């Protein structure tokens, strides 16, 4: 079963333009990531709006590594 990803990006993060841009960027990053099967909820805090694409990629890669470790346990 492929992973299913949902996003929780509240209004505190920014305008709808900012939230949609973040969602699109995260979709691209997660499509390239090796995600474990299952359902995942990705939440973004207001500080995430100021992150560059490179910083978001690094953050997501670190989270994916943590998920992989947790899945092994």
Protein backbone atom coordinates (compact mmCIF):
# COMPACT_ATOMS: atom_id res chain seq x y z
CA UNK A 1 0.00 0.00 0.00
CA UNK A 2 1.53 3.36 -0.96
CA UNK A 3 1.78 6.06 1.68
CA UNK A 4 -1.10 8.49 2.00
CA UNK A 5 -0.21 12.03 3.01
CA UNK A 6 -2.46 14.77 4.36
CA UNK A 7 -1.45 18.31 5.27
CA UNK A 8 -2.44 20.42 8.28
CA UNK A 9 -1.53 24.01 7.50
CA UNK A 10 -3.56 26.44 9.57
CA UNK A 11 -4.36 30.07 8.93
CA UNK A 12 -1.71 31.15 11.44
CA UNK A 13 0.92 30.07 8.90
CA UNK A 14 -0.08 32.78 6.44
CA UNK A 15 -2.42 33.71 3.66
CA UNK A 16 -3.96 31.09 1.38
CA UNK A 17 -1.26 31.87 -1.18
CA UNK A 18 1.47 31.06 1.35
CA UNK A 19 -0.29 27.92 2.60
CA UNK A 20 -0.87 26.61 -0.93
CA UNK A 21 2.76 27.32 -1.91
CA UNK A 22 3.96 25.35 1.11
CA UNK A 23 1.59 22.49 0.29
CA UNK A 24 2.85 22.34 -3.32
CA UNK A 25 6.48 22.41 -2.19
CA UNK A 26 5.89 19.66 0.36
CA UNK A 27 4.14 17.49 -2.25
CA UNK A 28 7.20 17.72 -4.51
CA UNK A 29 9.58 16.93 -1.65
CA UNK A 30 7.51 14.01 -0.38
CA UNK A 31 7.05 12.56 -3.87
CA UNK A 32 10.83 12.16 -4.08
CA UNK A 33 11.14 10.77 -0.53
CA UNK A 34 11.16 7.08 0.33
CA UNK A 35 8.16 7.08 2.66
CA UNK A 36 7.05 4.04 4.65
CA UNK A 37 3.59 2.69 3.85
CA UNK A 38 0.68 4.04 5.83
CA UNK A 39 -1.08 7.31 6.49
CA UNK A 40 0.93 10.40 7.37
CA UNK A 41 -0.20 13.82 8.56
CA UNK A 42 2.24 16.64 7.87
CA UNK A 43 1.71 19.71 10.02
CA UNK A 44 3.30 23.10 9.40
CA UNK A 45 3.87 25.70 12.09
CA UNK A 46 3.95 29.43 11.34
CA UNK A 47 7.77 29.43 11.24
CA UNK A 48 7.55 27.07 8.26
CA UNK A 49 6.33 29.88 6.04
CA UNK A 50 9.75 31.52 6.14
CA UNK A 51 11.69 28.36 5.22
CA UNK A 52 13.34 28.07 1.82
CA UNK A 53 12.75 25.07 -0.42
CA UNK A 54 16.20 23.74 0.51
CA UNK A 55 15.47 24.11 4.23
CA UNK A 56 12.09 22.38 3.84
CA UNK A 57 13.79 19.54 1.95
CA UNK A 58 16.34 19.09 4.76
CA UNK A 59 13.59 19.13 7.39
CA UNK A 60 11.48 16.55 5.54
CA UNK A 61 14.49 14.29 4.93
CA UNK A 62 15.26 14.35 8.67
CA UNK A 63 11.64 13.46 9.46
CA UNK A 64 11.66 10.60 6.94
CA UNK A 65 14.82 9.20 8.59
CA UNK A 66 13.05 9.35 11.97
CA UNK A 67 10.03 7.55 10.52
CA UNK A 68 12.25 4.83 9.09
CA UNK A 69 13.95 4.32 12.47
CA UNK A 70 10.58 4.18 14.23
CA UNK A 71 9.29 1.64 11.68
CA UNK A 72 12.31 -0.61 12.33
CA UNK A 73 11.66 -0.68 16.08
